[in-house]
Protein backbone atom coordinates (compact mmCIF):
# COMPACT_ATOMS: atom_id res chain seq x y z
CA UNK A 1 61.78 119.47 95.47
CA UNK A 2 60.70 122.05 92.54
CA UNK A 3 57.70 124.00 92.75
CA UNK A 4 56.55 121.94 89.92
CA UNK A 5 56.82 118.15 90.99
CA UNK A 6 55.54 120.12 94.61
CA UNK A 7 52.09 120.89 92.35
CA UNK A 8 51.94 117.64 90.18
CA UNK A 9 52.64 116.03 93.36
CA UNK A 10 49.11 116.97 95.03
CA UNK A 11 50.62 117.88 98.21
CA UNK A 12 48.81 120.54 100.36
CA UNK A 13 51.77 123.00 100.72
CA UNK A 14 51.23 126.95 101.75
CA UNK A 15 54.17 129.25 101.30
CA UNK A 16 54.85 132.45 102.43
CA UNK A 17 56.49 135.14 100.22
CA UNK A 18 57.07 138.81 101.28
CA UNK A 19 55.12 141.49 99.20
CA UNK A 20 58.57 142.70 97.06
CA UNK A 21 59.26 138.69 95.79
CA UNK A 22 55.35 138.79 94.51
CA UNK A 23 56.11 142.33 92.93
CA UNK A 24 58.97 140.92 91.74
CA UNK A 25 57.51 137.69 90.02
CA UNK A 26 55.17 139.81 88.94
CA UNK A 27 57.17 141.90 87.33
CA UNK A 28 59.25 138.97 85.59
CA UNK A 29 56.33 137.31 84.25
CA UNK A 30 55.08 140.52 82.60
CA UNK A 31 58.66 141.15 81.53
CA UNK A 32 59.34 138.14 79.58
CA UNK A 33 55.18 137.53 77.71
CA UNK A 34 55.81 140.93 76.78
CA UNK A 35 59.02 139.84 74.68
CA UNK A 36 57.23 137.04 73.73
CA UNK A 37 54.46 138.79 72.15
CA UNK A 38 57.14 141.70 70.90
CA UNK A 39 58.41 139.12 68.94
CA UNK A 40 55.38 137.44 68.10
CA UNK A 41 54.14 140.46 66.52
CA UNK A 42 57.65 141.56 64.43
CA UNK A 43 57.71 138.13 63.50
CA UNK A 44 53.98 138.65 61.84
CA UNK A 45 55.21 141.95 60.10
CA UNK A 46 58.42 140.50 58.52
CA UNK A 47 56.58 137.37 57.07
CA UNK A 48 57.01 136.72 53.49
CA UNK A 49 54.80 135.30 51.12
CA UNK A 50 55.37 132.92 48.42
CA UNK A 51 53.96 132.14 45.47
CA UNK A 52 52.52 128.54 44.00
CA UNK A 53 55.81 128.35 42.04
CA UNK A 54 58.10 128.78 44.70
CA UNK A 55 55.93 126.96 46.82
CA UNK A 56 55.98 124.13 44.69
CA UNK A 57 60.08 124.44 44.46
CA UNK A 58 61.20 124.28 48.13
CA UNK A 59 58.13 121.00 48.52
CA UNK A 60 59.07 119.66 45.78
CA UNK A 61 55.64 119.16 45.05
CA UNK A 62 53.42 119.86 41.50
CA UNK A 63 50.99 122.60 41.61
CA UNK A 64 48.42 120.04 41.22
CA UNK A 65 49.28 119.04 44.53
CA UNK A 66 48.81 122.48 45.35
CA UNK A 67 45.44 123.10 44.56
CA UNK A 68 44.25 119.95 45.85
CA UNK A 69 45.77 120.73 49.09
CA UNK A 70 44.16 123.53 48.82
CA UNK A 71 40.77 121.92 48.72
CA UNK A 72 41.88 119.48 51.18
CA UNK A 73 42.38 122.33 53.94
CA UNK A 74 46.30 121.55 54.24
CA UNK A 75 48.07 123.67 52.65
CA UNK A 76 45.77 126.86 52.34
CA UNK A 77 46.89 130.35 49.95
CA UNK A 78 46.14 133.75 50.70
CA UNK A 79 44.22 135.36 48.19
CA UNK A 80 46.75 139.48 47.81
CA UNK A 81 45.79 141.44 44.68
CA UNK A 82 43.83 138.39 42.60
CA UNK A 83 46.67 136.73 43.63
CA UNK A 84 47.21 133.34 45.43
CA UNK A 85 50.09 133.71 47.57
CA UNK A 86 51.43 131.38 50.72
CA UNK A 87 52.88 132.25 54.06
CA UNK A 88 56.08 130.86 54.30
CA UNK A 89 56.14 130.13 57.92
CA UNK A 90 52.87 127.65 57.05
CA UNK A 91 55.06 126.37 54.06
CA UNK A 92 57.93 125.74 56.83
CA UNK A 93 55.39 124.04 59.02
CA UNK A 94 54.24 121.59 55.94
CA UNK A 95 58.25 121.00 55.02
CA UNK A 96 58.65 119.32 58.70
CA UNK A 97 55.65 117.47 58.39
CA UNK A 98 56.36 116.02 55.16
CA UNK A 99 60.05 115.20 56.08
CA UNK A 100 58.15 113.47 59.24
CA UNK A 101 56.70 111.52 57.37
CA UNK A 102 59.53 110.36 54.91
């Protein structure tokens, strides 16, 4: 039985672990969390911004549809230097949503 199974069963169980084991678990958790956060930061820094024309071509929708989506809060562009740009990661999420609907 796994630890998750024990937790989900509601059984009242006590564990005895050594200080070293506790230290190892904490270090492992901190290291894994750090890796995940560093990856998120790296992904954010490498974000690509797309023009409305690029997005409309990628999603196979018209510029009017993009405008309507923006008004409805479905896919909101950013204003960068007075121009509308879309985060590629947001567009990819919508592309997956559109594919799942079809």
